[in-house]
Amino acid sequence: MKSKFCRFCAFYIPYYHKLNSSYARQNHGFCCKHKNSQTPYEHCEDFKSNEEKEKRREEKLLADLESSLTSINEISQILRERYYK
């Protein structure tokens, strides 16, 4: 079981800072339950596990990855047929 830190709570949304070509996670975030800024390692009194949310997120990422790989394979096949007759 994960500790009851804000970073593992379903109500916690981390803040990100936009860099040139990526995003960097900040050392604080927003608690939707208490409507205030939190650090990730504060103990949460109204803790709600984010395991279900993370599981759905992972399933969606895997489905999107599979779809992207299918598209890449289709493009690869088209290019091979066109240039390597």
PDB file of N, CA and C in Angstrom:
ATOM      1  N   MET A   1       0.852  -1.194   0.000  1.00  0.00           N
ATOM      2  CA  MET A   1       0.000   0.000   0.000  1.00  0.00           C
ATOM      3  C   MET A   1       0.887   1.243   0.000  1.00  0.00           C
ATOM      4  N   LYS A   2       0.566   2.163  -0.855  1.00  0.00           N
ATOM      5  CA  LYS A   2       1.313   3.414  -0.922  1.00  0.00           C
ATOM      6  C   LYS A   2       1.005   4.275   0.296  1.00  0.00           C
ATOM      7  N   SER A   3       1.975   5.112   0.662  1.00  0.00           N
ATOM      8  CA  SER A   3       1.755   6.053   1.760  1.00  0.00           C
ATOM      9  C   SER A   3       0.689   7.059   1.369  1.00  0.00           C
ATOM     10  N   LYS A   4       0.121   7.717   2.359  1.00  0.00           N
ATOM     11  CA  LYS A   4      -0.945   8.675   2.103  1.00  0.00           C
ATOM     12  C   LYS A   4      -0.384  10.064   1.835  1.00  0.00           C
ATOM     13  N   PHE A   5       0.595  10.117   0.914  1.00  0.00           N
ATOM     14  CA  PHE A   5       1.138  11.392   0.472  1.00  0.00           C
ATOM     15  C   PHE A   5       0.248  11.952  -0.619  1.00  0.00           C
ATOM     16  N   CYS A   6       0.242  13.274  -0.732  1.00  0.00           N
ATOM     17  CA  CYS A   6      -0.574  13.928  -1.755  1.00  0.00           C
ATOM     18  C   CYS A   6      -0.283  13.403  -3.164  1.00  0.00           C
ATOM     19  N   ARG A   7       0.978  13.117  -3.466  1.00  0.00           N
ATOM     20  CA  ARG A   7       1.335  12.699  -4.825  1.00  0.00           C
ATOM     21  C   ARG A   7       0.658  11.397  -5.237  1.00  0.00           C
ATOM     22  N   PHE A   8       0.194  10.575  -4.291  1.00  0.00           N
ATOM     23  CA  PHE A   8      -0.483   9.326  -4.595  1.00  0.00           C
ATOM     24  C   PHE A   8      -1.998   9.440  -4.465  1.00  0.00           C
ATOM     25  N   CYS A   9      -2.495  10.657  -4.223  1.00  0.00           N
ATOM     26  CA  CYS A   9      -3.920  10.889  -4.019  1.00  0.00           C
ATOM     27  C   CYS A   9      -4.600  11.207  -5.356  1.00  0.00           C
ATOM     28  N   ALA A  10      -5.810  10.736  -5.530  1.00  0.00           N
ATOM     29  CA  ALA A  10      -6.555  10.978  -6.766  1.00  0.00           C
ATOM     30  C   ALA A  10      -6.920  12.449  -6.945  1.00  0.00           C
ATOM     31  N   PHE A  11      -6.922  13.224  -5.860  1.00  0.00           N
ATOM     32  CA  PHE A  11      -7.288  14.638  -5.940  1.00  0.00           C
ATOM     33  C   PHE A  11      -6.108  15.537  -6.305  1.00  0.00           C
ATOM     34  N   TYR A  12      -4.898  15.000  -6.297  1.00  0.00           N
ATOM     35  CA  TYR A  12      -3.691  15.789  -6.529  1.00  0.00           C
ATOM     36  C   TYR A  12      -3.370  15.881  -8.025  1.00  0.00           C
ATOM     37  N   ILE A  13      -3.134  17.106  -8.493  1.00  0.00           N
ATOM     38  CA  ILE A  13      -2.736  17.347  -9.882  1.00  0.00           C
ATOM     39  C   ILE A  13      -1.401  18.086  -9.852  1.00  0.00           C
ATOM     40  N   PRO A  14      -0.327  17.467 -10.369  1.00  0.00           N
ATOM     41  CA  PRO A  14       0.979  18.137 -10.318  1.00  0.00           C
ATOM     42  C   PRO A  14       1.044  19.310 -11.304  1.00  0.00           C
ATOM     43  N   TYR A  15       1.830  20.305 -10.940  1.00  0.00           N
ATOM     44  CA  TYR A  15       2.091  21.431 -11.828  1.00  0.00           C
ATOM     45  C   TYR A  15       3.284  21.094 -12.720  1.00  0.00           C
ATOM     46  N   TYR A  16       3.251  21.567 -13.956  1.00  0.00           N
ATOM     47  CA  TYR A  16       4.347  21.365 -14.899  1.00  0.00           C
ATOM     48  C   TYR A  16       4.797  22.712 -15.437  1.00  0.00           C
ATOM     49  N   HIS A  17       6.073  22.793 -15.772  1.00  0.00           N
ATOM     50  CA  HIS A  17       6.658  23.995 -16.362  1.00  0.00           C
ATOM     51  C   HIS A  17       7.050  23.645 -17.795  1.00  0.00           C
ATOM     52  N   LYS A  18       6.620  24.455 -18.779  1.00  0.00           N
ATOM     53  CA  LYS A  18       6.933  24.186 -20.173  1.00  0.00           C
ATOM     54  C   LYS A  18       8.354  24.602 -20.490  1.00  0.00           C
ATOM     55  N   LEU A  19       9.116  23.652 -21.029  1.00  0.00           N
ATOM     56  CA  LEU A  19      10.459  23.922 -21.509  1.00  0.00           C
ATOM     57  C   LEU A  19      10.397  24.040 -23.030  1.00  0.00           C
ATOM     58  N   ASN A  20      11.515  24.068 -23.699  1.00  0.00           N
ATOM     59  CA  ASN A  20      11.521  24.200 -25.159  1.00  0.00           C
ATOM     60  C   ASN A  20      10.767  23.078 -25.857  1.00  0.00           C
ATOM     61  N   SER A  21      11.108  21.844 -25.540  1.00  0.00           N
ATOM     62  CA  SER A  21      10.486  20.725 -26.252  1.00  0.00           C
ATOM     63  C   SER A  21       9.884  19.684 -25.311  1.00  0.00           C
ATOM     64  N   SER A  22       9.722  20.028 -24.045  1.00  0.00           N
ATOM     65  CA  SER A  22       9.152  19.086 -23.089  1.00  0.00           C
ATOM     66  C   SER A  22       8.567  19.837 -21.896  1.00  0.00           C
ATOM     67  N   TYR A  23       8.103  19.086 -20.932  1.00  0.00           N
ATOM     68  CA  TYR A  23       7.560  19.656 -19.708  1.00  0.00           C
ATOM     69  C   TYR A  23       8.328  19.107 -18.519  1.00  0.00           C
ATOM     70  N   ALA A  24       8.531  19.922 -17.500  1.00  0.00           N
ATOM     71  CA  ALA A  24       9.209  19.496 -16.275  1.00  0.00           C
ATOM     72  C   ALA A  24       8.222  19.591 -15.111  1.00  0.00           C
ATOM     73  N   ARG A  25       8.144  18.519 -14.336  1.00  0.00           N
ATOM     74  CA  ARG A  25       7.248  18.502 -13.189  1.00  0.00           C
ATOM     75  C   ARG A  25       7.801  19.418 -12.100  1.00  0.00           C
ATOM     76  N   GLN A  26       6.933  20.233 -11.527  1.00  0.00           N
ATOM     77  CA  GLN A  26       7.326  21.145 -10.453  1.00  0.00           C
ATOM     78  C   GLN A  26       7.238  20.427  -9.108  1.00  0.00           C
ATOM     79  N   ASN A  27       7.767  21.042  -8.069  1.00  0.00           N
ATOM     80  CA  ASN A  27       7.786  20.438  -6.740  1.00  0.00           C
ATOM     81  C   ASN A  27       6.523  20.780  -5.945  1.00  0.00           C
ATOM     82  N   HIS A  28       5.441  21.078  -6.637  1.00  0.00           N
ATOM     83  CA  HIS A  28       4.160  21.328  -5.983  1.00  0.00           C
ATOM     84  C   HIS A  28       3.044  21.066  -6.990  1.00  0.00           C
ATOM     85  N   GLY A  29       1.830  21.021  -6.485  1.00  0.00           N
ATOM     86  CA  GLY A  29       0.680  20.752  -7.332  1.00  0.00           C
ATOM     87  C   GLY A  29      -0.578  21.335  -6.713  1.00  0.00           C
ATOM     88  N   PHE A  30      -1.727  20.914  -7.244  1.00  0.00           N
ATOM     89  CA  PHE A  30      -3.007  21.445  -6.805  1.00  0.00           C
ATOM     90  C   PHE A  30      -3.869  20.328  -6.251  1.00  0.00           C
ATOM     91  N   CYS A  31      -4.467  20.560  -5.088  1.00  0.00           N
ATOM     92  CA  CYS A  31      -5.391  19.599  -4.487  1.00  0.00           C
ATOM     93  C   CYS A  31      -6.813  20.016  -4.852  1.00  0.00           C
ATOM     94  N   CYS A  32      -7.494  19.200  -5.637  1.00  0.00           N
ATOM     95  CA  CYS A  32      -8.871  19.510  -6.058  1.00  0.00           C
ATOM     96  C   CYS A  32      -9.848  19.452  -4.885  1.00  0.00           C
ATOM     97  N   LYS A  33      -9.547  18.632  -3.895  1.00  0.00           N
ATOM     98  CA  LYS A  33     -10.429  18.483  -2.739  1.00  0.00           C
ATOM     99  C   LYS A  33     -10.382  19.722  -1.846  1.00  0.00           C
ATOM    100  N   HIS A  34      -9.183  20.216  -1.547  1.00  0.00           N
ATOM    101  CA  HIS A  34      -9.027  21.352  -0.646  1.00  0.00           C
ATOM    102  C   HIS A  34      -8.870  22.684  -1.366  1.00  0.00           C
ATOM    103  N   LYS A  35      -8.767  22.642  -2.698  1.00  0.00           N
ATOM    104  CA  LYS A  35      -8.660  23.855  -3.523  1.00  0.00           C
ATOM    105  C   LYS A  35      -7.467  24.724  -3.137  1.00  0.00           C
ATOM    106  N   ASN A  36      -6.299  24.084  -2.970  1.00  0.00           N
ATOM    107  CA  ASN A  36      -5.097  24.857  -2.652  1.00  0.00           C
ATOM    108  C   ASN A  36      -3.855  24.162  -3.196  1.00  0.00           C
ATOM    109  N   SER A  37      -2.742  24.859  -3.149  1.00  0.00           N
ATOM    110  CA  SER A  37      -1.468  24.335  -3.612  1.00  0.00           C
ATOM    111  C   SER A  37      -0.878  23.420  -2.544  1.00  0.00           C
ATOM    112  N   GLN A  38      -0.328  22.284  -2.957  1.00  0.00           N
ATOM    113  CA  GLN A  38       0.239  21.303  -2.042  1.00  0.00           C
ATOM    114  C   GLN A  38       1.614  20.888  -2.539  1.00  0.00           C
ATOM    115  N   THR A  39       2.473  20.463  -1.620  1.00  0.00           N
ATOM    116  CA  THR A  39       3.703  19.795  -2.030  1.00  0.00           C
ATOM    117  C   THR A  39       3.395  18.306  -2.128  1.00  0.00           C
ATOM    118  N   PRO A  40       4.109  17.566  -2.953  1.00  0.00           N
ATOM    119  CA  PRO A  40       3.764  16.161  -3.169  1.00  0.00           C
ATOM    120  C   PRO A  40       3.907  15.265  -1.949  1.00  0.00           C
ATOM    121  N   TYR A  41       4.710  15.678  -0.956  1.00  0.00           N
ATOM    122  CA  TYR A  41       4.957  14.804   0.185  1.00  0.00           C
ATOM    123  C   TYR A  41       4.249  15.238   1.457  1.00  0.00           C
ATOM    124  N   GLU A  42       3.215  16.049   1.325  1.00  0.00           N
ATOM    125  CA  GLU A  42       2.375  16.360   2.484  1.00  0.00           C
ATOM    126  C   GLU A  42       1.445  15.172   2.714  1.00  0.00           C
ATOM    127  N   HIS A  43       1.134  14.920   3.979  1.00  0.00           N
ATOM    128  CA  HIS A  43       0.188  13.848   4.287  1.00  0.00           C
ATOM    129  C   HIS A  43      -1.230  14.336   4.028  1.00  0.00           C
ATOM    130  N   CYS A  44      -2.007  13.476   3.426  1.00  0.00           N
ATOM    131  CA  CYS A  44      -3.371  13.841   3.028  1.00  0.00           C
ATOM    132  C   CYS A  44      -4.386  13.269   4.017  1.00  0.00           C
ATOM    133  N   GLU A  45      -5.233  14.123   4.546  1.00  0.00           N
ATOM    134  CA  GLU A  45      -6.266  13.682   5.493  1.00  0.00           C
ATOM    135  C   GLU A  45      -7.461  13.054   4.765  1.00  0.00           C
ATOM    136  N   ASP A  46      -7.763  13.551   3.572  1.00  0.00           N
ATOM    137  CA  ASP A  46      -8.881  13.031   2.776  1.00  0.00           C
ATOM    138  C   ASP A  46      -8.361  12.192   1.617  1.00  0.00           C
ATOM    139  N   PHE A  47      -7.405  11.328   1.904  1.00  0.00           N
ATOM    140  CA  PHE A  47      -6.722  10.543   0.882  1.00  0.00           C
ATOM    141  C   PHE A  47      -7.680   9.626   0.134  1.00  0.00           C
ATOM    142  N   LYS A  48      -7.555   9.631  -1.188  1.00  0.00           N
ATOM    143  CA  LYS A  48      -8.294   8.699  -2.042  1.00  0.00           C
ATOM    144  C   LYS A  48      -7.272   8.120  -3.009  1.00  0.00           C
ATOM    145  N   SER A  49      -7.139   6.815  -3.032  1.00  0.00           N
ATOM    146  CA  SER A  49      -6.127   6.151  -3.848  1.00  0.00           C
ATOM    147  C   SER A  49      -6.310   6.482  -5.330  1.00  0.00           C
ATOM    148  N   ASN A  50      -5.210   6.677  -6.018  1.00  0.00           N
ATOM    149  CA  ASN A  50      -5.273   6.980  -7.446  1.00  0.00           C
ATOM    150  C   ASN A  50      -4.952   5.750  -8.290  1.00  0.00           C
ATOM    151  N   GLU A  51      -4.945   4.567  -7.698  1.00  0.00           N
ATOM    152  CA  GLU A  51      -4.595   3.352  -8.430  1.00  0.00           C
ATOM    153  C   GLU A  51      -5.543   3.098  -9.596  1.00  0.00           C
ATOM    154  N   GLU A  52      -6.829   3.314  -9.395  1.00  0.00           N
ATOM    155  CA  GLU A  52      -7.800   3.107 -10.479  1.00  0.00           C
ATOM    156  C   GLU A  52      -7.556   4.096 -11.610  1.00  0.00           C
ATOM    157  N   LYS A  53      -7.305   5.346 -11.259  1.00  0.00           N
ATOM    158  CA  LYS A  53      -7.026   6.383 -12.254  1.00  0.00           C
ATOM    159  C   LYS A  53      -5.757   6.048 -13.037  1.00  0.00           C
ATOM    160  N   GLU A  54      -4.720   5.597 -12.344  1.00  0.00           N
ATOM    161  CA  GLU A  54      -3.462   5.228 -12.993  1.00  0.00           C
ATOM    162  C   GLU A  54      -3.634   4.006 -13.894  1.00  0.00           C
ATOM    163  N   LYS A  55      -4.453   3.065 -13.462  1.00  0.00           N
ATOM    164  CA  LYS A  55      -4.700   1.869 -14.271  1.00  0.00           C
ATOM    165  C   LYS A  55      -5.407   2.246 -15.574  1.00  0.00           C
ATOM    166  N   ARG A  56      -6.422   3.102 -15.493  1.00  0.00           N
ATOM    167  CA  ARG A  56      -7.128   3.554 -16.710  1.00  0.00           C
ATOM    168  C   ARG A  56      -6.183   4.320 -17.628  1.00  0.00           C
ATOM    169  N   ARG A  57      -5.324   5.150 -17.030  1.00  0.00           N
ATOM    170  CA  ARG A  57      -4.361   5.928 -17.801  1.00  0.00           C
ATOM    171  C   ARG A  57      -3.392   5.002 -18.547  1.00  0.00           C
ATOM    172  N   GLU A  58      -2.894   3.991 -17.852  1.00  0.00           N
ATOM    173  CA  GLU A  58      -1.962   3.050 -18.466  1.00  0.00           C
ATOM    174  C   GLU A  58      -2.630   2.271 -19.595  1.00  0.00           C
ATOM    175  N   GLU A  59      -3.881   1.836 -19.394  1.00  0.00           N
ATOM    176  CA  GLU A  59      -4.604   1.112 -20.440  1.00  0.00           C
ATOM    177  C   GLU A  59      -4.799   1.988 -21.673  1.00  0.00           C
ATOM    178  N   LYS A  60      -5.131   3.267 -21.472  1.00  0.00           N
ATOM    179  CA  LYS A  60      -5.307   4.187 -22.597  1.00  0.00           C
ATOM    180  C   LYS A  60      -3.988   4.422 -23.321  1.00  0.00           C
ATOM    181  N   LEU A  61      -2.899   4.591 -22.564  1.00  0.00           N
ATOM    182  CA  LEU A  61      -1.585   4.778 -23.183  1.00  0.00           C
ATOM    183  C   LEU A  61      -1.189   3.569 -24.022  1.00  0.00           C
ATOM    184  N   LEU A  62      -1.431   2.371 -23.515  1.00  0.00           N
ATOM    185  CA  LEU A  62      -1.091   1.164 -24.266  1.00  0.00           C
ATOM    186  C   LEU A  62      -1.944   1.041 -25.530  1.00  0.00           C
ATOM    187  N   ALA A  63      -3.220   1.390 -25.442  1.00  0.00           N
ATOM    188  CA  ALA A  63      -4.082   1.355 -26.627  1.00  0.00           C
ATOM    189  C   ALA A  63      -3.620   2.382 -27.656  1.00  0.00           C
ATOM    190  N   ASP A  64      -3.268   3.581 -27.210  1.00  0.00           N
ATOM    191  CA  ASP A  64      -2.773   4.609 -28.125  1.00  0.00           C
ATOM    192  C   ASP A  64      -1.443   4.201 -28.754  1.00  0.00           C
ATOM    193  N   LEU A  65      -0.583   3.580 -27.978  1.00  0.00           N
ATOM    194  CA  LEU A  65       0.698   3.112 -28.495  1.00  0.00           C
ATOM    195  C   LEU A  65       0.487   2.042 -29.560  1.00  0.00           C
ATOM    196  N   GLU A  66      -0.421   1.124 -29.303  1.00  0.00           N
ATOM    197  CA  GLU A  66      -0.714   0.079 -30.282  1.00  0.00           C
ATOM    198  C   GLU A  66      -1.255   0.677 -31.575  1.00  0.00           C
ATOM    199  N   SER A  67      -2.129   1.653 -31.451  1.00  0.00           N
ATOM    200  CA  SER A  67      -2.673   2.333 -32.628  1.00  0.00           C
ATOM    201  C   SER A  67      -1.575   3.053 -33.407  1.00  0.00           C
ATOM    202  N   SER A  68      -0.673   3.720 -32.695  1.00  0.00           N
ATOM    203  CA  SER A  68       0.435   4.430 -33.344  1.00  0.00           C
ATOM    204  C   SER A  68       1.364   3.457 -34.060  1.00  0.00           C
ATOM    205  N   LEU A  69       1.645   2.322 -33.431  1.00  0.00           N
ATOM    206  CA  LEU A  69       2.508   1.327 -34.052  1.00  0.00           C
ATOM    207  C   LEU A  69       1.878   0.742 -35.314  1.00  0.00           C
ATOM    208  N   THR A  70       0.572   0.555 -35.282  1.00  0.00           N
ATOM    209  CA  THR A  70      -0.134   0.079 -36.463  1.00  0.00           C
ATOM    210  C   THR A  70      -0.011   1.089 -37.600  1.00  0.00           C
ATOM    211  N   SER A  71      -0.189   2.356 -37.293  1.00  0.00           N
ATOM    212  CA  SER A  71      -0.067   3.401 -38.308  1.00  0.00           C
ATOM    213  C   SER A  71       1.350   3.454 -38.872  1.00  0.00           C
ATOM    214  N   ILE A  72       2.357   3.348 -38.011  1.00  0.00           N
ATOM    215  CA  ILE A  72       3.743   3.367 -38.474  1.00  0.00           C
ATOM    216  C   ILE A  72       4.025   2.174 -39.379  1.00  0.00           C
ATOM    217  N   ASN A  73       3.519   1.015 -39.018  1.00  0.00           N
ATOM    218  CA  ASN A  73       3.713  -0.173 -39.856  1.00  0.00           C
ATOM    219  C   ASN A  73       3.040  -0.013 -41.213  1.00  0.00           C
ATOM    220  N   GLU A  74       1.854   0.594 -41.246  1.00  0.00           N
ATOM    221  CA  GLU A  74       1.170   0.826 -42.517  1.00  0.00           C
ATOM    222  C   GLU A  74       1.969   1.782 -43.405  1.00  0.00           C
ATOM    223  N   ILE A  75       2.477   2.851 -42.822  1.00  0.00           N
ATOM    224  CA  ILE A  75       3.283   3.812 -43.580  1.00  0.00           C
ATOM    225  C   ILE A  75       4.558   3.137 -44.090  1.00  0.00           C
ATOM    226  N   SER A  76       5.181   2.343 -43.245  1.00  0.00           N
ATOM    227  CA  SER A  76       6.397   1.629 -43.631  1.00  0.00           C
ATOM    228  C   SER A  76       6.136   0.698 -44.812  1.00  0.00           C
ATOM    229  N   GLN A  77       5.034  -0.012 -44.764  1.00  0.00           N
ATOM    230  CA  GLN A  77       4.688  -0.929 -45.851  1.00  0.00           C
ATOM    231  C   GLN A  77       4.451  -0.161 -47.155  1.00  0.00           C
ATOM    232  N   ILE A  78       3.758   0.953 -47.097  1.00  0.00           N
ATOM    233  CA  ILE A  78       3.503   1.772 -48.286  1.00  0.00           C
ATOM    234  C   ILE A  78       4.820   2.260 -48.882  1.00  0.00           C
ATOM    235  N   LEU A  79       5.723   2.757 -48.044  1.00  0.00           N
ATOM    236  CA  LEU A  79       7.011   3.258 -48.528  1.00  0.00           C
ATOM    237  C   LEU A  79       7.863   2.137 -49.122  1.00  0.00           C
ATOM    238  N   ARG A  80       7.849   0.968 -48.490  1.00  0.00           N
ATOM    239  CA  ARG A  80       8.610  -0.162 -49.037  1.00  0.00           C
ATOM    240  C   ARG A  80       8.076  -0.570 -50.399  1.00  0.00           C
ATOM    241  N   GLU A  81       6.758  -0.624 -50.550  1.00  0.00           N
ATOM    242  CA  GLU A  81       6.162  -1.019 -51.831  1.00  0.00           C
ATOM    243  C   GLU A  81       6.454   0.028 -52.904  1.00  0.00           C
ATOM    244  N   ARG A  82       6.479   1.280 -52.531  1.00  0.00           N
ATOM    245  CA  ARG A  82       6.691   2.351 -53.500  1.00  0.00           C
ATOM    246  C   ARG A  82       8.144   2.411 -53.962  1.00  0.00           C
ATOM    247  N   TYR A  83       9.093   2.275 -53.055  1.00  0.00           N
ATOM    248  CA  TYR A  83      10.502   2.518 -53.381  1.00  0.00           C
ATOM    249  C   TYR A  83      11.318   1.252 -53.597  1.00  0.00           C
ATOM    250  N   TYR A  84      10.806   0.106 -53.245  1.00  0.00           N
ATOM    251  CA  TYR A  84      11.567  -1.135 -53.390  1.00  0.00           C
ATOM    252  C   TYR A  84      10.770  -2.159 -54.210  1.00  0.00           C
ATOM    253  N   LYS A  85      10.326  -1.761 -55.375  1.00  0.00           N
ATOM    254  CA  LYS A  85       9.536  -2.671 -56.228  1.00  0.00           C
ATOM    255  C   LYS A  85      10.367  -3.786 -56.767  1.00  0.00           C
TER     256      LYS A  85
END
